[in-house]
């Protein structure tokens, strides 16, 4: 039917029965546009590899705690796991730093010049705090906030809908200096 989702059939090697069915009149994945056979033969494929030479056999254990006990991974072993230069080590009493490190140690080991931009005529700084587009020292929502105009536009679009939506603001006494205007002397709170 039209609502059926056609899923991929998986790896189909070129010399398999599924591939023969796809090439001939077979019904394997009939009508499925995602069904296709690869050019890889079964003999050279690793899709169904039974080579377990690199695998580790785990004996059955009722839970993780029992498995740790089987592997002699006691609390003491866990606490000593991070230590180096122990008496059982072969360092001969010479202090050695652990190899590896911690997250972020590679960045600390780099030369400081690597983090700077590369190119000609590049100098640090270059921002004039008095520049009109330097908004990092302006009050958020203030009269010089560059995002204020965009915020006002969004508020205007959200507030005005219907027949008068595109004609602009209708309130003539709103100054637009900030999100909230002060009350005049004649107005009550």
N, C-alpha and C. Protein backbone atom coordinates (compact mmCIF):
# COMPACT_ATOMS: atom_id res chain seq x y z
N UNK A 1 0.83 -1.20 0.00
CA UNK A 1 0.00 0.00 0.00
C UNK A 1 0.87 1.25 0.00
N UNK A 2 0.27 2.42 -0.10
CA UNK A 2 1.02 3.67 -0.18
C UNK A 2 1.67 4.03 1.14
N UNK A 3 1.16 3.50 2.25
CA UNK A 3 1.72 3.84 3.55
C UNK A 3 2.83 2.89 3.99
N UNK A 4 3.12 1.84 3.19
CA UNK A 4 4.19 0.92 3.54
C UNK A 4 5.53 1.61 3.44
N UNK A 5 6.39 1.35 4.39
CA UNK A 5 7.74 1.91 4.38
C UNK A 5 8.68 0.82 3.89
N UNK A 6 9.39 1.09 2.81
CA UNK A 6 10.33 0.13 2.26
C UNK A 6 11.66 0.25 2.99
N UNK A 7 12.05 -0.80 3.67
CA UNK A 7 13.31 -0.79 4.40
C UNK A 7 14.37 -1.50 3.58
N UNK A 8 15.62 -1.15 3.83
CA UNK A 8 16.72 -1.80 3.15
C UNK A 8 16.78 -3.26 3.56
N UNK A 9 17.25 -4.12 2.66
CA UNK A 9 17.26 -5.55 2.92
C UNK A 9 18.52 -6.01 3.63
N UNK A 10 19.51 -5.16 3.75
CA UNK A 10 20.77 -5.55 4.37
C UNK A 10 21.77 -5.93 3.30
N UNK A 11 22.88 -6.52 3.72
CA UNK A 11 23.94 -6.88 2.79
C UNK A 11 23.53 -8.12 2.00
N UNK A 12 23.54 -8.00 0.69
CA UNK A 12 23.25 -9.12 -0.20
C UNK A 12 24.48 -9.32 -1.07
N UNK A 13 25.22 -10.41 -0.82
CA UNK A 13 26.42 -10.67 -1.61
C UNK A 13 26.03 -11.19 -2.98
N UNK A 14 26.91 -11.02 -3.96
CA UNK A 14 26.57 -11.29 -5.36
C UNK A 14 26.30 -12.76 -5.65
N UNK A 15 26.86 -13.69 -4.88
CA UNK A 15 26.67 -15.11 -5.15
C UNK A 15 25.67 -15.76 -4.19
N UNK A 16 24.83 -14.97 -3.54
CA UNK A 16 23.85 -15.52 -2.60
C UNK A 16 22.54 -15.84 -3.31
N UNK A 17 21.69 -16.61 -2.63
CA UNK A 17 20.37 -16.94 -3.18
C UNK A 17 19.51 -15.68 -3.31
N UNK A 18 19.68 -14.74 -2.39
CA UNK A 18 18.93 -13.49 -2.47
C UNK A 18 19.31 -12.72 -3.72
N UNK A 19 20.60 -12.72 -4.08
CA UNK A 19 21.04 -12.03 -5.29
C UNK A 19 20.47 -12.70 -6.52
N UNK A 20 20.44 -14.06 -6.54
CA UNK A 20 19.84 -14.78 -7.67
C UNK A 20 18.37 -14.41 -7.80
N UNK A 21 17.68 -14.30 -6.68
CA UNK A 21 16.26 -13.95 -6.69
C UNK A 21 16.06 -12.54 -7.23
N UNK A 22 16.94 -11.62 -6.85
CA UNK A 22 16.83 -10.25 -7.36
C UNK A 22 17.08 -10.18 -8.86
N UNK A 23 18.05 -10.97 -9.36
CA UNK A 23 18.38 -10.96 -10.79
C UNK A 23 17.31 -11.66 -11.61
N UNK A 24 16.72 -12.71 -11.07
CA UNK A 24 15.75 -13.50 -11.82
C UNK A 24 14.33 -13.11 -11.48
N UNK A 25 13.48 -14.14 -11.48
CA UNK A 25 12.04 -13.93 -11.24
C UNK A 25 11.67 -14.17 -9.79
N UNK A 26 12.62 -14.17 -8.89
CA UNK A 26 12.35 -14.49 -7.49
C UNK A 26 11.52 -13.43 -6.80
N UNK A 27 11.05 -13.79 -5.62
CA UNK A 27 10.18 -12.90 -4.86
C UNK A 27 10.91 -12.19 -3.72
N UNK A 28 12.23 -12.38 -3.62
CA UNK A 28 12.97 -11.72 -2.54
C UNK A 28 12.94 -10.21 -2.75
N UNK A 29 12.45 -9.48 -1.78
CA UNK A 29 12.38 -8.01 -1.80
C UNK A 29 11.65 -7.50 -3.02
N UNK A 30 10.64 -8.22 -3.43
CA UNK A 30 9.87 -7.85 -4.62
C UNK A 30 9.20 -6.48 -4.43
N UNK A 31 9.41 -5.59 -5.36
CA UNK A 31 8.82 -4.26 -5.31
C UNK A 31 9.54 -3.30 -4.38
N UNK A 32 10.66 -3.70 -3.81
CA UNK A 32 11.40 -2.83 -2.89
C UNK A 32 12.49 -2.11 -3.68
N UNK A 33 12.40 -0.79 -3.83
CA UNK A 33 13.41 -0.06 -4.61
C UNK A 33 14.78 -0.02 -3.93
N UNK A 34 14.82 -0.34 -2.64
CA UNK A 34 16.10 -0.29 -1.92
C UNK A 34 16.84 -1.62 -1.96
N UNK A 35 16.25 -2.65 -2.55
CA UNK A 35 16.88 -3.97 -2.60
C UNK A 35 17.87 -4.01 -3.75
N UNK A 36 19.10 -4.36 -3.44
CA UNK A 36 20.14 -4.49 -4.46
C UNK A 36 21.22 -5.42 -3.94
N UNK A 37 21.88 -6.09 -4.87
CA UNK A 37 22.98 -6.97 -4.51
C UNK A 37 24.29 -6.24 -4.70
N UNK A 38 25.23 -6.48 -3.82
CA UNK A 38 26.55 -5.86 -3.96
C UNK A 38 27.38 -6.68 -4.94
N UNK A 39 28.50 -6.14 -5.37
CA UNK A 39 29.38 -6.88 -6.26
C UNK A 39 30.33 -7.79 -5.46
N UNK A 40 30.30 -7.72 -4.16
CA UNK A 40 31.16 -8.52 -3.29
C UNK A 40 30.66 -9.95 -3.20
N UNK A 41 31.57 -10.92 -3.35
CA UNK A 41 31.20 -12.32 -3.20
C UNK A 41 31.21 -12.69 -1.71
N UNK A 42 30.52 -13.74 -1.36
CA UNK A 42 30.40 -14.16 0.04
C UNK A 42 31.74 -14.54 0.64
N UNK A 43 32.63 -15.13 -0.16
CA UNK A 43 33.90 -15.61 0.37
C UNK A 43 34.76 -14.46 0.90
N UNK A 44 34.76 -13.30 0.26
CA UNK A 44 35.59 -12.19 0.70
C UNK A 44 34.88 -11.22 1.62
N UNK A 45 33.63 -11.50 1.96
CA UNK A 45 32.85 -10.58 2.78
C UNK A 45 33.13 -10.80 4.26
N UNK A 46 33.08 -9.72 5.01
CA UNK A 46 33.20 -9.83 6.47
C UNK A 46 31.85 -9.66 7.15
N UNK A 47 30.77 -9.67 6.37
CA UNK A 47 29.44 -9.47 6.94
C UNK A 47 29.02 -10.65 7.81
N UNK A 48 29.48 -11.85 7.48
CA UNK A 48 29.12 -13.03 8.26
C UNK A 48 30.39 -13.73 8.69
N UNK A 49 31.25 -13.02 9.34
CA UNK A 49 32.56 -13.52 9.71
C UNK A 49 32.47 -14.27 11.03
N UNK A 50 32.98 -15.49 11.04
CA UNK A 50 32.97 -16.28 12.27
C UNK A 50 34.37 -16.38 12.89
N UNK A 51 35.28 -15.53 12.45
CA UNK A 51 36.63 -15.54 13.00
C UNK A 51 36.59 -14.89 14.38
N UNK A 52 36.82 -15.69 15.40
CA UNK A 52 36.76 -15.20 16.78
C UNK A 52 38.13 -15.18 17.43
N UNK A 53 39.19 -15.12 16.61
CA UNK A 53 40.54 -15.19 17.17
C UNK A 53 40.85 -14.00 18.07
N UNK A 54 40.24 -12.85 17.84
CA UNK A 54 40.51 -11.68 18.67
C UNK A 54 39.49 -11.48 19.76
N UNK A 55 38.53 -12.39 19.89
CA UNK A 55 37.46 -12.22 20.87
C UNK A 55 37.89 -12.74 22.23
N UNK A 56 37.25 -12.22 23.27
CA UNK A 56 37.48 -12.67 24.63
C UNK A 56 36.25 -13.42 25.10
N UNK A 57 36.46 -14.59 25.67
CA UNK A 57 35.34 -15.38 26.18
C UNK A 57 35.04 -14.95 27.60
N UNK A 58 33.79 -14.62 27.85
CA UNK A 58 33.35 -14.26 29.20
C UNK A 58 32.50 -15.39 29.75
N UNK A 59 32.88 -15.90 30.90
CA UNK A 59 32.07 -16.92 31.55
C UNK A 59 30.80 -16.27 32.08
N UNK A 60 29.77 -17.08 32.23
CA UNK A 60 28.50 -16.57 32.71
C UNK A 60 28.64 -16.02 34.13
N UNK A 61 27.97 -14.90 34.38
CA UNK A 61 27.97 -14.29 35.71
C UNK A 61 26.57 -13.74 35.96
N UNK A 62 26.06 -13.88 37.19
CA UNK A 62 24.69 -13.42 37.46
C UNK A 62 24.54 -11.90 37.39
N UNK A 63 25.59 -11.14 37.72
CA UNK A 63 25.51 -9.69 37.65
C UNK A 63 26.92 -9.11 37.54
N UNK A 64 27.01 -7.78 37.43
CA UNK A 64 28.29 -7.11 37.24
C UNK A 64 29.20 -7.28 38.44
N UNK A 65 28.63 -7.28 39.64
CA UNK A 65 29.46 -7.42 40.84
C UNK A 65 30.12 -8.80 40.88
N UNK A 66 29.38 -9.81 40.48
CA UNK A 66 29.95 -11.16 40.45
C UNK A 66 31.04 -11.25 39.38
N UNK A 67 30.83 -10.57 38.24
CA UNK A 67 31.85 -10.58 37.19
C UNK A 67 33.13 -9.91 37.67
N UNK A 68 33.00 -8.79 38.37
CA UNK A 68 34.19 -8.11 38.90
C UNK A 68 34.92 -9.00 39.89
N UNK A 69 34.18 -9.74 40.69
CA UNK A 69 34.82 -10.64 41.65
C UNK A 69 35.56 -11.75 40.91
N UNK A 70 34.96 -12.25 39.81
CA UNK A 70 35.62 -13.29 39.02
C UNK A 70 36.92 -12.76 38.42
N UNK A 71 36.91 -11.53 38.02
CA UNK A 71 38.08 -10.93 37.38
C UNK A 71 39.05 -10.36 38.40
N UNK A 72 38.77 -10.57 39.70
CA UNK A 72 39.60 -10.08 40.78
C UNK A 72 39.77 -8.56 40.71
N UNK A 73 38.71 -7.89 40.44
CA UNK A 73 38.72 -6.43 40.35
C UNK A 73 38.08 -5.91 41.62
N UNK A 74 38.79 -6.05 42.70
CA UNK A 74 38.27 -5.68 44.00
C UNK A 74 38.33 -4.17 44.18
N UNK A 75 37.78 -3.72 45.29
CA UNK A 75 37.80 -2.29 45.58
C UNK A 75 39.24 -1.78 45.71
N UNK A 76 40.10 -2.58 46.32
CA UNK A 76 41.51 -2.20 46.45
C UNK A 76 42.16 -2.09 45.08
N UNK A 77 41.86 -3.03 44.20
CA UNK A 77 42.43 -2.98 42.85
C UNK A 77 41.97 -1.72 42.12
N UNK A 78 40.70 -1.36 42.32
CA UNK A 78 40.18 -0.16 41.67
C UNK A 78 40.87 1.09 42.19
N UNK A 79 41.10 1.15 43.51
CA UNK A 79 41.75 2.32 44.09
C UNK A 79 43.20 2.43 43.64
N UNK A 80 43.87 1.31 43.47
CA UNK A 80 45.27 1.31 43.06
C UNK A 80 45.44 1.41 41.56
N UNK A 81 44.37 1.38 40.80
CA UNK A 81 44.47 1.37 39.35
C UNK A 81 45.11 2.64 38.81
N UNK A 82 44.91 3.76 39.45
CA UNK A 82 45.46 5.02 38.96
C UNK A 82 46.86 5.32 39.46
N UNK A 83 47.42 4.47 40.30
CA UNK A 83 48.75 4.73 40.85
C UNK A 83 49.83 4.24 39.90
N UNK A 84 50.97 4.88 39.98
CA UNK A 84 52.13 4.46 39.20
C UNK A 84 53.33 4.41 40.12
N UNK A 85 54.39 3.81 39.64
CA UNK A 85 55.63 3.65 40.40
C UNK A 85 55.36 2.91 41.72
N UNK A 86 54.64 1.81 41.62
CA UNK A 86 54.39 1.01 42.81
C UNK A 86 55.55 0.04 42.99
N UNK A 87 55.57 -0.64 44.10
CA UNK A 87 56.68 -1.56 44.38
C UNK A 87 56.66 -2.74 43.43
N UNK A 88 55.51 -3.08 42.87
CA UNK A 88 55.47 -4.20 41.94
C UNK A 88 55.87 -3.78 40.54
N UNK A 89 55.95 -2.50 40.29
CA UNK A 89 56.33 -2.02 38.96
C UNK A 89 57.80 -2.22 38.71
N UNK A 90 58.19 -2.15 37.46
CA UNK A 90 59.58 -2.38 37.11
C UNK A 90 60.36 -1.11 36.93
N UNK A 91 60.00 -0.02 37.58
CA UNK A 91 60.68 1.25 37.35
C UNK A 91 61.96 1.37 38.14
N UNK A 92 62.18 0.50 39.11
CA UNK A 92 63.41 0.54 39.88
C UNK A 92 63.50 1.73 40.80
N UNK A 93 62.37 2.26 41.27
CA UNK A 93 62.40 3.37 42.21
C UNK A 93 62.51 4.73 41.56
N UNK A 94 62.52 4.80 40.24
CA UNK A 94 62.61 6.09 39.55
C UNK A 94 61.20 6.62 39.35
N UNK A 95 60.98 7.87 39.74
CA UNK A 95 59.66 8.46 39.56
C UNK A 95 59.39 8.64 38.08
N UNK A 96 58.25 8.12 37.64
CA UNK A 96 57.84 8.27 36.25
C UNK A 96 56.44 8.84 36.22
N UNK A 97 56.22 9.74 35.30
CA UNK A 97 54.88 10.30 35.14
C UNK A 97 54.02 9.30 34.39
N UNK A 98 52.74 9.28 34.68
CA UNK A 98 51.88 8.35 33.96
C UNK A 98 51.76 8.77 32.49
N UNK A 99 51.60 7.79 31.64
CA UNK A 99 51.39 8.09 30.22
C UNK A 99 49.91 8.33 30.00
N UNK A 100 49.56 8.88 28.87
CA UNK A 100 48.16 9.16 28.59
C UNK A 100 47.86 10.59 28.96
N UNK A 101 47.07 10.81 29.94
CA UNK A 101 46.75 12.16 30.35
C UNK A 101 45.27 12.27 30.66
N UNK A 102 44.78 13.45 30.57
CA UNK A 102 43.40 13.74 30.86
C UNK A 102 42.82 14.54 29.70
N UNK A 103 41.53 14.68 29.70
CA UNK A 103 40.89 15.41 28.62
C UNK A 103 41.37 16.85 28.61
N UNK A 104 41.81 17.31 27.46
CA UNK A 104 42.29 18.67 27.33
C UNK A 104 43.79 18.79 27.46
N UNK A 105 44.49 17.71 27.83
CA UNK A 105 45.93 17.81 28.03
C UNK A 105 46.66 18.03 26.72
N UNK A 106 46.11 17.56 25.61
CA UNK A 106 46.77 17.75 24.32
C UNK A 106 46.80 19.23 23.95
N UNK A 107 45.75 19.97 24.28
CA UNK A 107 45.72 21.39 23.97
C UNK A 107 46.73 22.16 24.80
N UNK A 108 46.91 21.73 26.06
CA UNK A 108 47.86 22.41 26.92
C UNK A 108 49.30 22.15 26.49
N UNK A 109 49.53 21.04 25.81
CA UNK A 109 50.88 20.69 25.38
C UNK A 109 51.27 21.41 24.10
N UNK A 110 50.38 22.10 23.46
CA UNK A 110 50.68 22.78 22.20
C UNK A 110 51.38 24.10 22.45
N UNK A 111 52.09 24.53 21.44
CA UNK A 111 52.76 25.82 21.47
C UNK A 111 51.71 26.93 21.44
N UNK A 112 51.92 28.00 22.20
CA UNK A 112 50.94 29.08 22.26
C UNK A 112 50.69 29.72 20.90
N UNK A 113 51.68 29.71 20.03
CA UNK A 113 51.52 30.32 18.71
C UNK A 113 50.54 29.59 17.82
N UNK A 114 50.24 28.33 18.14
CA UNK A 114 49.31 27.56 17.32
C UNK A 114 47.89 28.10 17.39
N UNK A 115 47.55 28.74 18.48
CA UNK A 115 46.18 29.19 18.68
C UNK A 115 45.93 30.58 18.10
N UNK A 116 46.95 31.23 17.63
CA UNK A 116 46.79 32.58 17.07
C UNK A 116 46.48 32.47 15.59
N UNK A 117 45.78 33.46 15.03
CA UNK A 117 45.49 33.42 13.60
C UNK A 117 46.76 33.60 12.79
N UNK A 118 46.80 32.95 11.65
CA UNK A 118 47.96 33.03 10.77
C UNK A 118 47.60 33.89 9.57
N UNK A 119 48.48 34.76 9.17
CA UNK A 119 48.24 35.61 8.01
C UNK A 119 49.06 36.88 8.11
N UNK A 120 48.89 37.75 7.12
CA UNK A 120 49.64 39.00 7.08
C UNK A 120 48.82 40.13 7.70
N UNK A 121 49.50 41.08 8.30
CA UNK A 121 48.90 42.29 8.85
C UNK A 121 47.80 41.99 9.87
N UNK A 122 48.00 40.98 10.70
CA UNK A 122 47.03 40.64 11.73
C UNK A 122 47.57 41.16 13.06
N UNK A 123 46.74 41.96 13.74
CA UNK A 123 47.14 42.47 15.05
C UNK A 123 46.05 42.14 16.05
N UNK A 124 46.42 42.11 17.32
CA UNK A 124 45.43 41.85 18.35
C UNK A 124 44.63 43.11 18.63
N UNK A 125 43.44 42.93 19.15
CA UNK A 125 42.60 44.07 19.49
C UNK A 125 41.89 44.58 18.26
N UNK A 126 41.96 45.87 18.04
CA UNK A 126 41.34 46.46 16.87
C UNK A 126 39.90 46.88 17.06
N UNK A 127 39.37 46.76 18.26
CA UNK A 127 38.00 47.18 18.50
C UNK A 127 38.02 48.51 19.22
N UNK A 128 37.40 49.49 18.64
CA UNK A 128 37.30 50.80 19.26
C UNK A 128 36.00 50.83 20.05
N UNK A 129 36.10 51.00 21.35
CA UNK A 129 34.89 50.96 22.18
C UNK A 129 33.93 52.11 21.86
N UNK A 130 34.42 53.15 21.22
CA UNK A 130 33.54 54.26 20.86
C UNK A 130 32.88 54.08 19.51
N UNK A 131 33.17 53.00 18.81
CA UNK A 131 32.59 52.77 17.49
C UNK A 131 31.10 52.53 17.61
N UNK A 132 30.32 52.98 16.62
CA UNK A 132 28.87 52.84 16.72
C UNK A 132 28.39 51.38 16.70
N UNK A 133 29.16 50.48 16.12
CA UNK A 133 28.71 49.09 16.08
C UNK A 133 29.29 48.25 17.21
N UNK A 134 30.05 48.84 18.09
CA UNK A 134 30.61 48.10 19.21
C UNK A 134 29.56 48.05 20.31
N UNK A 135 28.77 46.99 20.33
CA UNK A 135 27.65 46.92 21.25
C UNK A 135 27.99 46.22 22.55
N UNK A 136 29.24 45.81 22.73
CA UNK A 136 29.55 45.06 23.94
C UNK A 136 29.53 45.92 25.19
N UNK A 137 29.53 47.24 25.06
CA UNK A 137 29.47 48.07 26.26
C UNK A 137 28.16 48.87 26.33
N UNK A 138 27.19 48.50 25.52
CA UNK A 138 25.89 49.17 25.53
C UNK A 138 24.92 48.41 26.43
N UNK A 139 23.98 49.12 26.97
CA UNK A 139 22.97 48.49 27.81
C UNK A 139 21.99 47.72 26.93
N UNK A 140 21.69 46.51 27.35
CA UNK A 140 20.78 45.68 26.58
C UNK A 140 19.39 46.31 26.61
N UNK A 141 18.82 46.51 25.44
CA UNK A 141 17.50 47.12 25.32
C UNK A 141 17.54 48.62 25.32
N UNK A 142 18.72 49.21 25.47
CA UNK A 142 18.85 50.67 25.47
C UNK A 142 18.72 51.25 24.07
N UNK A 143 18.84 52.55 23.97
CA UNK A 143 18.65 53.22 22.69
C UNK A 143 19.75 52.90 21.69
N UNK A 144 20.94 52.45 22.14
CA UNK A 144 22.03 52.13 21.23
C UNK A 144 22.23 50.62 21.05
N UNK A 145 21.31 49.83 21.54
CA UNK A 145 21.40 48.38 21.39
C UNK A 145 21.05 48.01 19.95
N UNK A 146 21.98 47.37 19.20
CA UNK A 146 21.69 47.05 17.81
C UNK A 146 20.58 46.01 17.65
N UNK A 147 20.33 45.21 18.66
CA UNK A 147 19.26 44.22 18.57
C UNK A 147 17.90 44.80 18.88
N UNK A 148 17.87 46.03 19.36
CA UNK A 148 16.61 46.67 19.75
C UNK A 148 15.68 46.84 18.57
N UNK A 149 16.22 47.24 17.42
CA UNK A 149 15.39 47.45 16.24
C UNK A 149 14.76 46.13 15.80
N UNK A 150 15.53 45.06 15.82
CA UNK A 150 14.99 43.76 15.44
C UNK A 150 13.92 43.31 16.43
N UNK A 151 14.17 43.52 17.72
CA UNK A 151 13.17 43.16 18.72
C UNK A 151 11.88 43.95 18.52
N UNK A 152 12.01 45.23 18.23
CA UNK A 152 10.83 46.06 17.99
C UNK A 152 10.06 45.58 16.77
N UNK A 153 10.79 45.17 15.75
CA UNK A 153 10.14 44.66 14.54
C UNK A 153 9.36 43.39 14.84
N UNK A 154 9.98 42.47 15.62
CA UNK A 154 9.29 41.24 15.98
C UNK A 154 8.05 41.52 16.83
N UNK A 155 8.18 42.43 17.79
CA UNK A 155 7.04 42.77 18.62
C UNK A 155 5.93 43.39 17.78
N UNK A 156 6.30 44.21 16.83
CA UNK A 156 5.33 44.86 15.97
C UNK A 156 4.60 43.83 15.11
N UNK A 157 5.33 42.87 14.57
CA UNK A 157 4.71 41.83 13.74
C UNK A 157 3.79 40.95 14.58
N UNK A 158 4.20 40.64 15.80
CA UNK A 158 3.39 39.79 16.65
C UNK A 158 2.14 40.50 17.15
N UNK A 159 2.25 41.78 17.42
CA UNK A 159 1.13 42.53 17.99
C UNK A 159 0.09 42.90 16.95
N UNK A 160 0.52 43.17 15.74
CA UNK A 160 -0.42 43.64 14.73
C UNK A 160 -0.75 42.52 13.76
N UNK A 161 -1.97 42.12 13.78
CA UNK A 161 -2.43 41.12 12.83
C UNK A 161 -3.83 41.52 12.37
N UNK A 162 -4.31 40.87 11.38
CA UNK A 162 -5.64 41.18 10.87
C UNK A 162 -5.60 42.28 9.84
N UNK A 163 -6.68 43.06 9.76
CA UNK A 163 -6.81 44.08 8.72
C UNK A 163 -5.79 45.20 8.85
N UNK A 164 -5.40 45.54 10.06
CA UNK A 164 -4.47 46.66 10.23
C UNK A 164 -3.03 46.17 10.45
N UNK A 165 -2.72 44.93 10.12
CA UNK A 165 -1.42 44.34 10.42
C UNK A 165 -0.26 44.99 9.70
N UNK A 166 -0.42 45.43 8.49
CA UNK A 166 0.71 45.94 7.75
C UNK A 166 0.84 47.44 7.72
N UNK A 167 0.03 48.15 8.44
CA UNK A 167 0.02 49.61 8.32
C UNK A 167 0.93 50.31 9.33
N UNK A 168 1.65 49.58 10.15
CA UNK A 168 2.57 50.22 11.09
C UNK A 168 1.92 50.50 12.43
N UNK A 169 2.67 51.09 13.35
CA UNK A 169 2.14 51.34 14.69
C UNK A 169 1.01 52.37 14.69
N UNK A 170 0.02 52.14 15.53
CA UNK A 170 -1.13 53.04 15.61
C UNK A 170 -1.04 53.96 16.82
N UNK A 171 -0.16 53.66 17.76
CA UNK A 171 -0.07 54.48 18.96
C UNK A 171 0.93 55.59 18.72
N UNK A 172 0.47 56.79 18.71
CA UNK A 172 1.33 57.91 18.35
C UNK A 172 2.20 58.38 19.51
N UNK A 173 1.84 58.07 20.75
CA UNK A 173 2.59 58.59 21.89
C UNK A 173 3.69 57.65 22.37
N UNK A 174 3.87 56.50 21.74
CA UNK A 174 4.93 55.57 22.14
C UNK A 174 6.23 56.07 21.55
N UNK A 175 7.22 56.27 22.40
CA UNK A 175 8.50 56.82 21.93
C UNK A 175 9.42 55.75 21.38
N UNK A 176 9.29 54.52 21.86
CA UNK A 176 10.16 53.45 21.39
C UNK A 176 11.54 53.48 21.98
N UNK A 177 11.76 54.25 23.07
CA UNK A 177 13.08 54.33 23.68
C UNK A 177 13.46 53.05 24.41
N UNK A 178 12.50 52.29 24.83
CA UNK A 178 12.79 51.07 25.56
C UNK A 178 11.59 50.17 25.49
N UNK A 179 11.68 49.05 26.15
CA UNK A 179 10.57 48.11 26.11
C UNK A 179 9.33 48.67 26.81
N UNK A 180 9.56 49.44 27.88
CA UNK A 180 8.44 50.03 28.60
C UNK A 180 8.68 51.53 28.71
N UNK A 181 7.68 52.30 28.38
CA UNK A 181 7.78 53.75 28.49
C UNK A 181 7.30 54.19 29.87
N UNK A 182 7.80 55.34 30.31
CA UNK A 182 7.36 55.88 31.60
C UNK A 182 5.99 56.51 31.44
N UNK A 183 5.24 56.52 32.53
CA UNK A 183 3.92 57.14 32.50
C UNK A 183 4.07 58.65 32.57
N UNK A 184 3.21 59.33 31.83
CA UNK A 184 3.22 60.79 31.93
C UNK A 184 2.48 61.20 33.20
N UNK A 185 2.53 62.49 33.54
CA UNK A 185 1.93 62.96 34.79
C UNK A 185 0.42 62.75 34.81
N UNK A 186 -0.23 62.77 33.64
CA UNK A 186 -1.68 62.64 33.60
C UNK A 186 -2.14 61.19 33.66
N UNK A 187 -1.24 60.25 33.49
CA UNK A 187 -1.64 58.84 33.44
C UNK A 187 -1.56 58.21 34.82
N UNK A 188 -2.48 57.31 35.08
CA UNK A 188 -2.48 56.55 36.32
C UNK A 188 -1.87 55.17 36.06
N UNK A 189 -1.29 54.63 37.10
CA UNK A 189 -0.72 53.29 36.97
C UNK A 189 -1.81 52.31 36.99
